[in-house]
């Protein structure tokens, strides 16, 4: 089985939800984003929007934001390396709203 964004995302979820391992979860989330962006950035036309998978990008952004706020937060004041995850989550949402401006949940988050 090869690497894919979906497998990396599921590994991230398992690391965080089952083992409470934030470092591994965030590393896998970074891999998820890298795999996903390389998948859709070369596509054009209708295929671009299919590979963009707005719902999946929303889930990625929510996971980044989860690690910066709420119970069990790992940081996110913008000052340290963990604050970079807040910025990364925001950038995912900005990218998403640039390509899919009618996606209201992305604009609200």
Protein backbone atom coordinates (compact mmCIF):
# COMPACT_ATOMS: atom_id res chain seq x y z
CA UNK A 1 0.00 0.00 0.00
CA UNK A 2 1.47 3.35 -1.04
CA UNK A 3 1.30 6.63 0.77
CA UNK A 4 -1.72 8.82 0.22
CA UNK A 5 -3.27 11.86 1.85
CA UNK A 6 -6.19 9.83 3.14
CA UNK A 7 -3.99 7.22 4.82
CA UNK A 8 -1.82 9.89 6.40
CA UNK A 9 -4.94 11.67 7.66
CA UNK A 10 -6.33 8.50 9.19
CA UNK A 11 -2.96 7.80 10.84
CA UNK A 12 -3.06 11.30 12.28
CA UNK A 13 -6.53 10.74 13.68
CA UNK A 14 -5.52 7.43 15.25
CA UNK A 15 -2.37 8.94 16.79
CA UNK A 16 -4.34 11.76 18.39
CA UNK A 17 -7.61 10.09 19.32
CA UNK A 18 -6.32 6.70 20.48
CA UNK A 19 -2.82 7.45 21.79
CA UNK A 20 -3.05 11.20 22.57
CA UNK A 21 0.27 11.57 20.72
CA UNK A 22 0.12 15.16 19.48
CA UNK A 23 3.59 15.21 17.92
CA UNK A 24 2.96 12.16 15.73
CA UNK A 25 -0.54 13.40 14.90
CA UNK A 26 0.78 16.77 13.75
CA UNK A 27 3.60 15.18 11.76
CA UNK A 28 1.10 12.95 9.97
CA UNK A 29 -1.18 15.94 9.42
CA UNK A 30 1.72 17.76 7.76
CA UNK A 31 2.25 14.71 5.53
CA UNK A 32 -1.46 14.71 4.75
CA UNK A 33 -1.35 18.31 3.58
CA UNK A 34 1.80 17.73 1.51
CA UNK A 35 0.35 14.66 -0.22
CA UNK A 36 -2.97 16.36 -0.86
CA UNK A 37 -1.49 19.55 -2.31
CA UNK A 38 0.83 17.65 -4.65
CA UNK A 39 -2.17 15.64 -5.84
CA UNK A 40 -4.36 18.57 -6.89
CA UNK A 41 -1.90 21.30 -7.85
CA UNK A 42 -1.18 19.90 -11.32
CA UNK A 43 -4.84 19.26 -12.18
CA UNK A 44 -6.80 21.64 -14.42
CA UNK A 45 -10.45 22.37 -15.06
CA UNK A 46 -13.11 20.18 -13.53
CA UNK A 47 -10.49 17.64 -12.44
CA UNK A 48 -8.89 20.33 -10.25
CA UNK A 49 -12.05 20.75 -8.18
CA UNK A 50 -12.54 17.00 -7.88
CA UNK A 51 -8.97 16.53 -6.62
CA UNK A 52 -9.16 19.65 -4.44
CA UNK A 53 -11.79 17.83 -2.35
CA UNK A 54 -13.05 20.79 -0.33
CA UNK A 55 -14.58 18.61 2.39
CA UNK A 56 -11.27 16.85 2.98
CA UNK A 57 -9.43 20.17 3.18
CA UNK A 58 -11.98 21.36 5.73
CA UNK A 59 -11.23 18.31 7.86
CA UNK A 60 -7.49 18.99 7.63
CA UNK A 61 -8.00 22.60 8.73
CA UNK A 62 -10.24 21.53 11.61
CA UNK A 63 -7.59 19.13 12.86
CA UNK A 64 -4.91 21.84 12.77
CA UNK A 65 -7.21 24.19 14.66
CA UNK A 66 -8.10 21.48 17.18
CA UNK A 67 -4.46 21.30 18.24
CA UNK A 68 -4.40 25.01 19.00
CA UNK A 69 -7.65 25.53 20.95
CA UNK A 70 -9.91 23.76 23.41
CA UNK A 71 -9.25 20.96 25.88
CA UNK A 72 -6.08 19.02 25.17
CA UNK A 73 -4.62 21.88 23.12
CA UNK A 74 -0.93 21.62 22.34
CA UNK A 75 -0.36 25.33 21.91
CA UNK A 76 -1.07 27.97 19.35
CA UNK A 77 -0.35 31.44 20.66
CA UNK A 78 1.54 32.14 17.45
CA UNK A 79 4.85 32.45 19.27
CA UNK A 80 6.39 29.00 19.13
CA UNK A 81 6.55 26.08 16.75
CA UNK A 82 3.09 24.94 17.83
CA UNK A 83 1.72 28.37 16.93
CA UNK A 84 2.70 27.56 13.37
CA UNK A 85 -0.09 24.98 13.30
CA UNK A 86 -2.65 27.72 13.86
CA UNK A 87 -1.18 29.62 10.94
CA UNK A 88 -1.13 26.47 8.84
CA UNK A 89 -4.80 25.81 9.58
CA UNK A 90 -5.66 29.38 8.62
CA UNK A 91 -3.68 29.08 5.37
CA UNK A 92 -5.57 25.91 4.48
CA UNK A 93 -8.84 27.77 5.01
CA UNK A 94 -7.62 30.76 2.99
CA UNK A 95 -6.62 28.50 0.12
CA UNK A 96 -9.95 26.77 0.26
CA UNK A 97 -11.96 30.00 0.24
CA UNK A 98 -9.88 31.32 -2.65
CA UNK A 99 -10.78 28.35 -4.84
CA UNK A 100 -14.28 27.70 -3.46
CA UNK A 101 -15.59 31.11 -2.34
CA UNK A 102 -19.13 29.81 -1.81
CA UNK A 103 -18.07 27.33 0.87
CA UNK A 104 -19.55 29.05 3.91
CA UNK A 105 -18.14 26.74 6.63
CA UNK A 106 -14.61 27.58 5.47
CA UNK A 107 -15.37 31.30 5.65
CA UNK A 108 -16.93 31.02 9.09
CA UNK A 109 -14.02 29.06 10.58
